[in-house]
N, C-alpha and C. Protein backbone atom coordinates (compact mmCIF):
# COMPACT_ATOMS: atom_id res chain seq x y z
N MET A 1 -16.61 -23.22 5.46
CA MET A 1 -15.47 -22.31 5.37
C MET A 1 -15.78 -21.00 6.09
N LEU A 2 -14.91 -20.61 6.98
CA LEU A 2 -15.10 -19.41 7.77
C LEU A 2 -14.76 -18.18 6.95
N VAL A 3 -15.69 -17.24 6.85
CA VAL A 3 -15.48 -16.00 6.11
C VAL A 3 -15.19 -14.89 7.10
N ARG A 4 -14.05 -14.26 6.95
CA ARG A 4 -13.67 -13.18 7.86
C ARG A 4 -14.42 -11.90 7.50
N LYS A 5 -14.90 -11.23 8.52
CA LYS A 5 -15.57 -9.95 8.33
C LYS A 5 -14.55 -8.83 8.41
N ALA A 6 -14.70 -7.84 7.53
CA ALA A 6 -13.76 -6.71 7.51
C ALA A 6 -13.85 -5.92 8.81
N VAL A 7 -12.73 -5.46 9.29
CA VAL A 7 -12.69 -4.64 10.51
C VAL A 7 -13.07 -3.20 10.21
N PHE A 8 -12.68 -2.72 9.02
CA PHE A 8 -12.92 -1.33 8.65
C PHE A 8 -13.61 -1.23 7.30
N ASN A 9 -14.33 -0.12 7.11
CA ASN A 9 -14.86 0.26 5.81
C ASN A 9 -14.04 1.41 5.26
N THR A 10 -13.81 1.43 3.96
CA THR A 10 -13.05 2.50 3.32
C THR A 10 -14.01 3.57 2.82
N LEU A 11 -13.83 4.80 3.28
CA LEU A 11 -14.76 5.89 2.98
C LEU A 11 -14.27 6.82 1.87
N ARG A 12 -12.96 6.85 1.64
CA ARG A 12 -12.40 7.70 0.59
C ARG A 12 -11.45 6.87 -0.26
N PRO A 13 -11.33 7.20 -1.56
CA PRO A 13 -10.44 6.42 -2.42
C PRO A 13 -8.99 6.51 -1.94
N LEU A 14 -8.36 5.35 -1.82
CA LEU A 14 -7.03 5.24 -1.22
C LEU A 14 -6.07 4.54 -2.17
N ILE A 15 -4.86 5.06 -2.27
CA ILE A 15 -3.81 4.43 -3.07
C ILE A 15 -2.59 4.21 -2.19
N LEU A 16 -2.04 3.01 -2.24
CA LEU A 16 -0.78 2.70 -1.57
C LEU A 16 0.35 2.94 -2.57
N ALA A 17 1.21 3.90 -2.26
CA ALA A 17 2.30 4.27 -3.16
C ALA A 17 3.53 3.41 -2.85
N SER A 18 3.37 2.10 -2.98
CA SER A 18 4.44 1.17 -2.64
C SER A 18 4.16 -0.18 -3.30
N GLY A 19 5.22 -0.81 -3.78
CA GLY A 19 5.08 -2.14 -4.33
C GLY A 19 5.32 -3.23 -3.31
N SER A 20 5.52 -2.86 -2.06
CA SER A 20 5.82 -3.82 -1.01
C SER A 20 4.64 -4.76 -0.77
N PRO A 21 4.83 -6.06 -0.95
CA PRO A 21 3.73 -6.99 -0.66
C PRO A 21 3.37 -7.02 0.80
N ARG A 22 4.33 -6.71 1.67
CA ARG A 22 4.05 -6.72 3.10
C ARG A 22 3.10 -5.56 3.49
N ARG A 23 3.35 -4.38 2.94
CA ARG A 23 2.45 -3.25 3.22
C ARG A 23 1.07 -3.50 2.61
N ARG A 24 1.05 -4.07 1.43
CA ARG A 24 -0.23 -4.39 0.79
C ARG A 24 -1.03 -5.38 1.63
N ASP A 25 -0.36 -6.38 2.18
CA ASP A 25 -1.04 -7.38 3.00
C ASP A 25 -1.63 -6.78 4.27
N PHE A 26 -0.89 -5.86 4.89
CA PHE A 26 -1.39 -5.23 6.10
C PHE A 26 -2.73 -4.54 5.84
N LEU A 27 -2.82 -3.77 4.75
CA LEU A 27 -4.05 -3.04 4.43
C LEU A 27 -5.17 -4.00 4.05
N SER A 28 -4.82 -5.03 3.29
CA SER A 28 -5.83 -6.00 2.86
C SER A 28 -6.43 -6.74 4.04
N GLU A 29 -5.59 -7.11 5.00
CA GLU A 29 -6.06 -7.86 6.16
C GLU A 29 -7.01 -7.05 7.04
N LEU A 30 -6.93 -5.72 6.93
CA LEU A 30 -7.84 -4.86 7.68
C LEU A 30 -9.17 -4.69 6.95
N GLY A 31 -9.25 -5.19 5.72
CA GLY A 31 -10.47 -5.06 4.94
C GLY A 31 -10.56 -3.79 4.14
N LEU A 32 -9.45 -3.04 4.02
CA LEU A 32 -9.47 -1.78 3.29
C LEU A 32 -9.50 -2.02 1.78
N GLN A 33 -10.17 -1.11 1.09
CA GLN A 33 -10.19 -1.12 -0.37
C GLN A 33 -9.18 -0.08 -0.85
N PHE A 34 -8.26 -0.47 -1.70
CA PHE A 34 -7.23 0.46 -2.14
C PHE A 34 -6.62 -0.02 -3.46
N LEU A 35 -5.96 0.91 -4.13
CA LEU A 35 -5.19 0.61 -5.32
C LEU A 35 -3.72 0.66 -4.97
N VAL A 36 -2.89 0.07 -5.81
CA VAL A 36 -1.44 0.11 -5.62
C VAL A 36 -0.83 0.83 -6.82
N GLN A 37 -0.02 1.83 -6.53
CA GLN A 37 0.66 2.58 -7.59
C GLN A 37 2.11 2.81 -7.16
N THR A 38 3.04 2.16 -7.83
CA THR A 38 4.44 2.34 -7.47
C THR A 38 4.97 3.63 -8.09
N THR A 39 6.05 4.12 -7.51
CA THR A 39 6.65 5.35 -7.98
C THR A 39 8.16 5.25 -7.88
N ASP A 40 8.85 6.02 -8.64
CA ASP A 40 10.31 5.98 -8.67
C ASP A 40 10.86 7.32 -8.20
N VAL A 41 11.41 7.36 -7.00
CA VAL A 41 12.02 8.58 -6.47
C VAL A 41 13.46 8.27 -6.06
N ASP A 42 14.27 9.30 -6.03
CA ASP A 42 15.67 9.15 -5.63
C ASP A 42 15.71 8.90 -4.12
N GLU A 43 16.24 7.74 -3.73
CA GLU A 43 16.28 7.38 -2.32
C GLU A 43 17.62 7.67 -1.66
N SER A 44 18.38 8.55 -2.26
CA SER A 44 19.67 8.94 -1.67
C SER A 44 19.44 9.86 -0.48
N GLY A 45 20.27 9.69 0.53
CA GLY A 45 20.18 10.55 1.69
C GLY A 45 20.89 11.86 1.46
N TRP A 46 20.49 12.87 2.20
CA TRP A 46 21.16 14.17 2.15
C TRP A 46 22.28 14.20 3.19
N PRO A 47 23.35 14.95 2.94
CA PRO A 47 24.44 15.02 3.92
C PRO A 47 23.94 15.48 5.30
N GLY A 48 24.27 14.70 6.30
CA GLY A 48 23.88 15.05 7.66
C GLY A 48 22.42 14.80 7.99
N GLU A 49 21.67 14.17 7.09
CA GLU A 49 20.25 13.95 7.33
C GLU A 49 20.04 12.83 8.36
N ALA A 50 19.27 13.12 9.38
CA ALA A 50 18.99 12.14 10.43
C ALA A 50 18.02 11.08 9.90
N PRO A 51 18.06 9.86 10.48
CA PRO A 51 17.17 8.79 10.01
C PRO A 51 15.70 9.17 9.98
N GLU A 52 15.21 9.81 11.04
CA GLU A 52 13.80 10.18 11.08
C GLU A 52 13.46 11.15 9.95
N ALA A 53 14.31 12.15 9.76
CA ALA A 53 14.07 13.12 8.70
C ALA A 53 14.12 12.45 7.33
N PHE A 54 15.02 11.50 7.17
CA PHE A 54 15.18 10.79 5.90
C PHE A 54 13.91 10.01 5.53
N VAL A 55 13.39 9.20 6.46
CA VAL A 55 12.22 8.38 6.13
C VAL A 55 10.97 9.22 5.99
N ARG A 56 10.85 10.30 6.74
CA ARG A 56 9.70 11.19 6.59
C ARG A 56 9.73 11.86 5.22
N ARG A 57 10.90 12.31 4.82
CA ARG A 57 11.03 12.99 3.51
C ARG A 57 10.71 12.04 2.37
N LEU A 58 11.27 10.83 2.39
CA LEU A 58 11.04 9.89 1.30
C LEU A 58 9.59 9.43 1.24
N ALA A 59 8.99 9.19 2.39
CA ALA A 59 7.58 8.79 2.41
C ALA A 59 6.71 9.86 1.76
N LEU A 60 7.00 11.10 2.07
CA LEU A 60 6.22 12.21 1.53
C LEU A 60 6.47 12.38 0.03
N GLU A 61 7.73 12.25 -0.39
CA GLU A 61 8.05 12.37 -1.81
C GLU A 61 7.35 11.27 -2.63
N LYS A 62 7.34 10.06 -2.09
CA LYS A 62 6.67 8.95 -2.79
C LYS A 62 5.17 9.20 -2.88
N ALA A 63 4.59 9.69 -1.80
CA ALA A 63 3.15 9.93 -1.80
C ALA A 63 2.76 11.02 -2.80
N TRP A 64 3.51 12.14 -2.80
CA TRP A 64 3.18 13.23 -3.71
C TRP A 64 3.45 12.87 -5.16
N ALA A 65 4.41 12.02 -5.41
CA ALA A 65 4.69 11.60 -6.79
C ALA A 65 3.49 10.88 -7.40
N VAL A 66 2.73 10.17 -6.57
CA VAL A 66 1.51 9.50 -7.04
C VAL A 66 0.32 10.45 -7.01
N ALA A 67 0.26 11.33 -6.02
CA ALA A 67 -0.88 12.23 -5.86
C ALA A 67 -1.04 13.16 -7.06
N THR A 68 0.03 13.51 -7.72
CA THR A 68 -0.06 14.42 -8.87
C THR A 68 -0.88 13.81 -10.01
N HIS A 69 -0.95 12.49 -10.05
CA HIS A 69 -1.71 11.80 -11.11
C HIS A 69 -3.10 11.36 -10.65
N HIS A 70 -3.36 11.46 -9.35
CA HIS A 70 -4.65 11.04 -8.79
C HIS A 70 -5.09 12.09 -7.77
N PRO A 71 -5.50 13.27 -8.25
CA PRO A 71 -5.73 14.42 -7.36
C PRO A 71 -6.80 14.23 -6.30
N GLU A 72 -7.78 13.33 -6.50
CA GLU A 72 -8.86 13.18 -5.54
C GLU A 72 -8.68 11.96 -4.63
N HIS A 73 -7.58 11.23 -4.81
CA HIS A 73 -7.30 10.07 -3.95
C HIS A 73 -6.42 10.47 -2.78
N VAL A 74 -6.59 9.77 -1.67
CA VAL A 74 -5.65 9.87 -0.56
C VAL A 74 -4.53 8.88 -0.84
N ILE A 75 -3.30 9.35 -0.74
CA ILE A 75 -2.14 8.53 -1.06
C ILE A 75 -1.37 8.22 0.21
N LEU A 76 -1.02 6.94 0.39
CA LEU A 76 -0.20 6.51 1.51
C LEU A 76 1.18 6.12 0.99
N GLY A 77 2.19 6.86 1.43
CA GLY A 77 3.57 6.54 1.08
C GLY A 77 4.32 6.10 2.32
N ALA A 78 5.35 5.29 2.15
CA ALA A 78 6.12 4.81 3.30
C ALA A 78 7.56 4.50 2.89
N ASP A 79 8.44 4.58 3.85
CA ASP A 79 9.84 4.22 3.61
C ASP A 79 10.44 3.69 4.91
N THR A 80 11.22 2.60 4.80
CA THR A 80 11.81 1.96 5.97
C THR A 80 13.32 1.84 5.81
N VAL A 81 14.05 2.15 6.88
CA VAL A 81 15.49 1.96 6.88
C VAL A 81 15.92 1.31 8.19
N VAL A 82 17.03 0.62 8.12
CA VAL A 82 17.68 0.06 9.30
C VAL A 82 18.87 0.95 9.63
N VAL A 83 19.03 1.26 10.91
CA VAL A 83 20.09 2.19 11.33
C VAL A 83 20.98 1.50 12.36
N ARG A 84 22.27 1.47 12.08
CA ARG A 84 23.26 0.92 13.00
C ARG A 84 24.31 1.97 13.27
N ASP A 85 24.44 2.35 14.54
CA ASP A 85 25.44 3.36 14.94
C ASP A 85 25.29 4.64 14.12
N GLY A 86 24.05 5.02 13.85
CA GLY A 86 23.79 6.25 13.12
C GLY A 86 23.91 6.13 11.61
N CYS A 87 24.30 4.95 11.11
CA CYS A 87 24.46 4.75 9.67
C CYS A 87 23.21 4.07 9.09
N LEU A 88 22.70 4.60 8.00
CA LEU A 88 21.53 4.04 7.34
C LEU A 88 21.92 2.84 6.51
N LEU A 89 21.20 1.73 6.72
CA LEU A 89 21.44 0.50 5.97
C LEU A 89 20.22 0.22 5.12
N GLY A 90 20.36 0.30 3.83
CA GLY A 90 19.24 0.04 2.93
C GLY A 90 19.19 -1.41 2.52
N LYS A 91 18.66 -1.66 1.33
CA LYS A 91 18.58 -3.02 0.80
C LYS A 91 19.95 -3.41 0.24
N PRO A 92 20.38 -4.64 0.44
CA PRO A 92 21.69 -5.07 -0.07
C PRO A 92 21.67 -5.13 -1.60
N SER A 93 22.78 -4.76 -2.21
CA SER A 93 22.86 -4.79 -3.68
C SER A 93 23.25 -6.17 -4.19
N ASN A 94 23.81 -7.00 -3.30
CA ASN A 94 24.18 -8.36 -3.68
C ASN A 94 24.30 -9.21 -2.41
N ARG A 95 24.53 -10.50 -2.58
CA ARG A 95 24.57 -11.42 -1.43
C ARG A 95 25.78 -11.14 -0.53
N ARG A 96 26.88 -10.76 -1.10
CA ARG A 96 28.05 -10.46 -0.27
C ARG A 96 27.78 -9.26 0.64
N GLU A 97 27.14 -8.25 0.08
CA GLU A 97 26.80 -7.09 0.89
C GLU A 97 25.79 -7.48 1.97
N ALA A 98 24.89 -8.39 1.65
CA ALA A 98 23.92 -8.87 2.64
C ALA A 98 24.65 -9.52 3.81
N GLU A 99 25.65 -10.34 3.52
CA GLU A 99 26.42 -10.99 4.58
C GLU A 99 27.12 -9.95 5.45
N GLU A 100 27.67 -8.93 4.83
CA GLU A 100 28.39 -7.89 5.57
C GLU A 100 27.44 -7.13 6.50
N ILE A 101 26.25 -6.82 6.00
CA ILE A 101 25.26 -6.12 6.82
C ILE A 101 24.84 -6.98 8.00
N LEU A 102 24.52 -8.23 7.75
CA LEU A 102 24.08 -9.13 8.81
C LEU A 102 25.16 -9.33 9.86
N ALA A 103 26.42 -9.46 9.42
CA ALA A 103 27.53 -9.63 10.36
C ALA A 103 27.68 -8.41 11.25
N SER A 104 27.42 -7.23 10.68
CA SER A 104 27.56 -6.00 11.46
C SER A 104 26.45 -5.83 12.49
N LEU A 105 25.34 -6.55 12.29
CA LEU A 105 24.21 -6.46 13.22
C LEU A 105 24.24 -7.56 14.28
N ALA A 106 24.98 -8.63 14.04
CA ALA A 106 24.98 -9.80 14.92
C ALA A 106 25.35 -9.44 16.36
N GLY A 107 24.52 -9.89 17.30
CA GLY A 107 24.78 -9.68 18.71
C GLY A 107 24.61 -8.25 19.19
N ARG A 108 23.98 -7.42 18.37
CA ARG A 108 23.90 -5.99 18.71
C ARG A 108 22.47 -5.47 18.53
N TRP A 109 22.24 -4.30 19.11
CA TRP A 109 21.00 -3.58 18.91
C TRP A 109 21.11 -2.69 17.67
N HIS A 110 20.01 -2.55 16.96
CA HIS A 110 19.93 -1.55 15.90
C HIS A 110 18.52 -0.97 15.91
N GLU A 111 18.30 0.04 15.09
CA GLU A 111 16.99 0.69 15.00
C GLU A 111 16.38 0.46 13.63
N VAL A 112 15.06 0.34 13.60
CA VAL A 112 14.32 0.32 12.34
C VAL A 112 13.38 1.52 12.35
N TRP A 113 13.55 2.39 11.38
CA TRP A 113 12.71 3.58 11.23
C TRP A 113 11.81 3.42 10.02
N THR A 114 10.53 3.72 10.19
CA THR A 114 9.60 3.79 9.06
C THR A 114 8.89 5.13 9.09
N GLY A 115 8.96 5.81 7.97
CA GLY A 115 8.21 7.05 7.81
C GLY A 115 6.96 6.75 7.00
N PHE A 116 5.87 7.41 7.30
CA PHE A 116 4.66 7.26 6.50
C PHE A 116 4.05 8.63 6.26
N ALA A 117 3.44 8.78 5.09
CA ALA A 117 2.86 10.06 4.71
C ALA A 117 1.50 9.83 4.07
N LEU A 118 0.57 10.70 4.37
CA LEU A 118 -0.76 10.72 3.76
C LEU A 118 -0.94 12.07 3.10
N CYS A 119 -1.30 12.06 1.82
CA CYS A 119 -1.50 13.33 1.14
C CYS A 119 -2.62 13.22 0.11
N CYS A 120 -3.16 14.36 -0.24
CA CYS A 120 -4.22 14.44 -1.24
C CYS A 120 -4.19 15.85 -1.83
N GLN A 121 -4.45 15.95 -3.13
CA GLN A 121 -4.48 17.27 -3.77
C GLN A 121 -5.80 17.99 -3.55
N GLN A 122 -6.90 17.26 -3.73
CA GLN A 122 -8.22 17.88 -3.68
C GLN A 122 -9.15 17.08 -2.77
N PRO A 123 -9.46 17.56 -1.55
CA PRO A 123 -8.92 18.77 -0.93
C PRO A 123 -7.50 18.54 -0.42
N HIS A 124 -6.77 19.62 -0.23
CA HIS A 124 -5.36 19.50 0.15
C HIS A 124 -5.22 18.82 1.52
N LEU A 125 -4.30 17.87 1.56
CA LEU A 125 -4.01 17.14 2.79
C LEU A 125 -2.55 16.74 2.79
N GLU A 126 -1.91 16.88 3.94
CA GLU A 126 -0.53 16.40 4.08
C GLU A 126 -0.26 16.11 5.55
N GLN A 127 -0.03 14.82 5.83
CA GLN A 127 0.34 14.40 7.18
C GLN A 127 1.52 13.45 7.09
N VAL A 128 2.48 13.62 7.98
CA VAL A 128 3.68 12.80 7.96
C VAL A 128 3.99 12.33 9.38
N GLY A 129 4.42 11.08 9.50
CA GLY A 129 4.82 10.55 10.79
C GLY A 129 5.98 9.59 10.65
N ALA A 130 6.57 9.22 11.75
CA ALA A 130 7.68 8.27 11.74
C ALA A 130 7.68 7.50 13.06
N VAL A 131 8.05 6.23 12.97
CA VAL A 131 8.08 5.36 14.14
C VAL A 131 9.42 4.62 14.16
N VAL A 132 9.97 4.43 15.35
CA VAL A 132 11.22 3.71 15.50
C VAL A 132 11.02 2.49 16.39
N THR A 133 11.66 1.40 16.03
CA THR A 133 11.67 0.18 16.81
C THR A 133 13.11 -0.26 17.02
N ARG A 134 13.43 -0.69 18.23
CA ARG A 134 14.77 -1.19 18.50
C ARG A 134 14.77 -2.72 18.41
N VAL A 135 15.77 -3.25 17.73
CA VAL A 135 15.85 -4.69 17.49
C VAL A 135 17.24 -5.19 17.88
N ARG A 136 17.28 -6.32 18.58
CA ARG A 136 18.56 -6.93 18.93
C ARG A 136 18.71 -8.26 18.22
N PHE A 137 19.82 -8.41 17.52
CA PHE A 137 20.13 -9.68 16.87
C PHE A 137 20.80 -10.64 17.84
N ALA A 138 20.57 -11.92 17.62
CA ALA A 138 21.30 -12.94 18.36
C ALA A 138 22.75 -12.99 17.89
N ASP A 139 23.60 -13.63 18.67
CA ASP A 139 24.97 -13.88 18.21
C ASP A 139 24.89 -14.90 17.08
N LEU A 140 25.52 -14.60 15.96
CA LEU A 140 25.37 -15.44 14.77
C LEU A 140 26.71 -15.95 14.27
N ASP A 141 26.75 -17.23 14.00
CA ASP A 141 27.94 -17.84 13.41
C ASP A 141 28.04 -17.41 11.95
N PRO A 142 29.25 -17.17 11.43
CA PRO A 142 29.41 -16.77 10.02
C PRO A 142 28.74 -17.74 9.04
N ALA A 143 28.74 -19.02 9.36
CA ALA A 143 28.11 -20.00 8.47
C ALA A 143 26.60 -19.79 8.42
N VAL A 144 26.01 -19.42 9.54
CA VAL A 144 24.57 -19.16 9.60
C VAL A 144 24.25 -17.90 8.79
N ILE A 145 25.08 -16.88 8.94
CA ILE A 145 24.89 -15.64 8.19
C ILE A 145 24.96 -15.92 6.69
N ALA A 146 25.95 -16.69 6.28
CA ALA A 146 26.12 -17.00 4.86
C ALA A 146 24.93 -17.79 4.32
N ALA A 147 24.45 -18.73 5.12
CA ALA A 147 23.32 -19.56 4.68
C ALA A 147 22.05 -18.73 4.54
N TYR A 148 21.82 -17.83 5.49
CA TYR A 148 20.62 -17.00 5.39
C TYR A 148 20.71 -16.04 4.20
N ALA A 149 21.87 -15.42 4.02
CA ALA A 149 22.04 -14.51 2.88
C ALA A 149 21.83 -15.26 1.57
N ALA A 150 22.33 -16.47 1.50
CA ALA A 150 22.20 -17.27 0.27
C ALA A 150 20.76 -17.68 0.00
N SER A 151 19.91 -17.69 1.05
CA SER A 151 18.51 -18.08 0.86
C SER A 151 17.74 -17.06 0.04
N GLY A 152 18.23 -15.82 0.01
CA GLY A 152 17.56 -14.77 -0.74
C GLY A 152 16.43 -14.09 0.01
N ASP A 153 16.16 -14.52 1.23
CA ASP A 153 15.04 -13.95 1.98
C ASP A 153 15.21 -12.46 2.25
N GLY A 154 16.46 -12.02 2.40
CA GLY A 154 16.68 -10.61 2.73
C GLY A 154 17.07 -9.74 1.55
N ASP A 155 16.96 -10.27 0.33
CA ASP A 155 17.43 -9.54 -0.84
C ASP A 155 16.77 -8.18 -1.03
N ASP A 156 15.46 -8.10 -0.82
CA ASP A 156 14.73 -6.87 -1.10
C ASP A 156 14.32 -6.13 0.16
N LYS A 157 15.04 -6.39 1.25
CA LYS A 157 14.63 -5.82 2.53
C LYS A 157 15.73 -4.96 3.14
N ALA A 158 15.32 -3.84 3.73
CA ALA A 158 16.26 -2.98 4.43
C ALA A 158 16.93 -3.76 5.55
N GLY A 159 18.25 -3.65 5.65
CA GLY A 159 18.97 -4.39 6.68
C GLY A 159 19.25 -5.82 6.31
N ALA A 160 18.83 -6.25 5.13
CA ALA A 160 19.12 -7.59 4.58
C ALA A 160 18.45 -8.72 5.34
N TYR A 161 17.31 -8.43 6.02
CA TYR A 161 16.60 -9.52 6.70
C TYR A 161 15.11 -9.22 6.76
N GLY A 162 14.32 -10.28 6.93
CA GLY A 162 12.89 -10.13 7.09
C GLY A 162 12.44 -10.82 8.37
N ILE A 163 12.03 -10.05 9.37
CA ILE A 163 11.63 -10.62 10.65
C ILE A 163 10.35 -11.45 10.52
N GLN A 164 9.55 -11.15 9.50
CA GLN A 164 8.28 -11.85 9.33
C GLN A 164 8.40 -13.13 8.52
N SER A 165 9.59 -13.42 8.04
CA SER A 165 9.77 -14.60 7.19
C SER A 165 10.93 -15.44 7.70
N GLY A 166 11.83 -15.81 6.83
CA GLY A 166 12.91 -16.69 7.22
C GLY A 166 13.90 -16.12 8.20
N GLY A 167 13.90 -14.79 8.36
CA GLY A 167 14.88 -14.16 9.24
C GLY A 167 14.44 -13.99 10.68
N ALA A 168 13.31 -14.54 11.05
CA ALA A 168 12.82 -14.38 12.42
C ALA A 168 13.80 -14.92 13.45
N PHE A 169 14.52 -15.98 13.09
CA PHE A 169 15.46 -16.60 14.04
C PHE A 169 16.65 -15.70 14.34
N LEU A 170 16.88 -14.69 13.53
CA LEU A 170 18.00 -13.78 13.74
C LEU A 170 17.77 -12.87 14.95
N VAL A 171 16.51 -12.62 15.26
CA VAL A 171 16.15 -11.60 16.25
C VAL A 171 15.92 -12.23 17.62
N SER A 172 16.62 -11.70 18.62
CA SER A 172 16.47 -12.21 19.98
C SER A 172 15.61 -11.31 20.85
N GLU A 173 15.46 -10.06 20.47
CA GLU A 173 14.70 -9.13 21.31
C GLU A 173 14.23 -7.96 20.45
N ILE A 174 13.05 -7.43 20.82
CA ILE A 174 12.49 -6.29 20.09
C ILE A 174 11.84 -5.35 21.08
N SER A 175 11.99 -4.04 20.85
CA SER A 175 11.37 -3.03 21.70
C SER A 175 10.65 -2.04 20.81
N GLY A 176 9.30 -2.10 20.82
CA GLY A 176 8.51 -1.21 19.98
C GLY A 176 7.61 -1.98 19.05
N SER A 177 7.17 -1.31 17.99
CA SER A 177 6.21 -1.86 17.05
C SER A 177 6.82 -2.97 16.20
N TYR A 178 6.20 -4.15 16.24
CA TYR A 178 6.65 -5.27 15.41
C TYR A 178 6.36 -5.01 13.94
N THR A 179 5.15 -4.50 13.64
CA THR A 179 4.81 -4.27 12.24
C THR A 179 5.68 -3.20 11.60
N ASN A 180 6.20 -2.31 12.43
CA ASN A 180 7.11 -1.29 11.92
C ASN A 180 8.37 -1.92 11.33
N VAL A 181 8.85 -2.99 11.95
CA VAL A 181 10.05 -3.68 11.46
C VAL A 181 9.76 -4.34 10.11
N ILE A 182 8.52 -4.76 9.91
CA ILE A 182 8.13 -5.38 8.65
C ILE A 182 7.97 -4.33 7.55
N GLY A 183 7.67 -3.08 7.93
CA GLY A 183 7.60 -2.04 6.91
C GLY A 183 6.48 -1.04 7.04
N LEU A 184 5.61 -1.20 8.05
CA LEU A 184 4.53 -0.23 8.22
C LEU A 184 4.05 -0.26 9.67
N PRO A 185 4.12 0.87 10.38
CA PRO A 185 3.60 0.91 11.76
C PRO A 185 2.07 0.96 11.70
N VAL A 186 1.45 -0.21 11.71
CA VAL A 186 0.02 -0.32 11.41
C VAL A 186 -0.85 0.47 12.39
N ALA A 187 -0.57 0.39 13.68
CA ALA A 187 -1.40 1.11 14.66
C ALA A 187 -1.43 2.61 14.37
N GLU A 188 -0.27 3.17 14.10
CA GLU A 188 -0.18 4.61 13.85
C GLU A 188 -0.82 4.99 12.51
N VAL A 189 -0.65 4.15 11.50
CA VAL A 189 -1.23 4.45 10.19
C VAL A 189 -2.75 4.36 10.24
N VAL A 190 -3.27 3.34 10.91
CA VAL A 190 -4.73 3.20 11.03
C VAL A 190 -5.31 4.40 11.78
N ALA A 191 -4.66 4.82 12.85
CA ALA A 191 -5.14 5.99 13.60
C ALA A 191 -5.17 7.23 12.72
N ALA A 192 -4.13 7.40 11.89
CA ALA A 192 -4.07 8.57 11.01
C ALA A 192 -5.16 8.50 9.93
N LEU A 193 -5.38 7.31 9.36
CA LEU A 193 -6.41 7.15 8.33
C LEU A 193 -7.80 7.39 8.92
N HIS A 194 -8.00 6.95 10.13
CA HIS A 194 -9.29 7.16 10.79
C HIS A 194 -9.51 8.65 11.07
N LYS A 195 -8.48 9.33 11.50
CA LYS A 195 -8.58 10.74 11.86
C LYS A 195 -8.97 11.60 10.67
N ILE A 196 -8.46 11.26 9.48
CA ILE A 196 -8.75 12.09 8.31
C ILE A 196 -9.96 11.58 7.53
N GLY A 197 -10.65 10.58 8.06
CA GLY A 197 -11.88 10.12 7.46
C GLY A 197 -11.75 9.18 6.29
N VAL A 198 -10.62 8.48 6.20
CA VAL A 198 -10.45 7.49 5.13
C VAL A 198 -11.14 6.18 5.48
N LEU A 199 -11.19 5.87 6.76
CA LEU A 199 -11.82 4.61 7.17
C LEU A 199 -12.71 4.81 8.39
N GLU A 200 -13.62 3.87 8.57
CA GLU A 200 -14.45 3.81 9.74
C GLU A 200 -14.55 2.36 10.20
N VAL A 201 -14.87 2.17 11.44
CA VAL A 201 -15.02 0.82 11.96
C VAL A 201 -16.25 0.19 11.33
N ALA A 202 -16.10 -1.02 10.85
CA ALA A 202 -17.21 -1.72 10.20
C ALA A 202 -18.31 -2.02 11.21
N GLY A 203 -19.55 -1.87 10.80
CA GLY A 203 -20.67 -2.11 11.68
C GLY A 203 -21.04 -3.59 11.75
């Protein structure tokens, strides 16, 4: 049995402030040691708030909500939204709404924004970033949309689809970070963690 060697070593205690299994898998696959602590923050947008500002704010709010209880840990918070024609599309509240969201994306380009934040109380640290990826959906028949929505694959995902799972067939073209569409811009997050001394390359 082949045993994979970790790519990175974790140098400071790290907490992922997210219950997303996809974000957890990204960190685990890199060999990072971390805890998971979910938090409950109001995810409502502010009037006139741009997508980038929205995801940066929520990522930071989620991170600080956990940091107050773990002052010596570095906290990673993140938030992802799908944007169509300037409108933020979150997770569908039901299957009918999922169908409506998917139909509105069919045959068109949209944006996926993910904000990420790193913070710590002791010593004080606060870094925030955001990444955007452009995604084009294929032309989709209403029956296909209904069948995918009914599968439940997009129930807990922004934009009502998962490019890494059953919804991959929906996407015909992508411009930018693939992992960002899944929920975490891994290249940018790893660079930020390395810069602040949370991880080092494994020897």
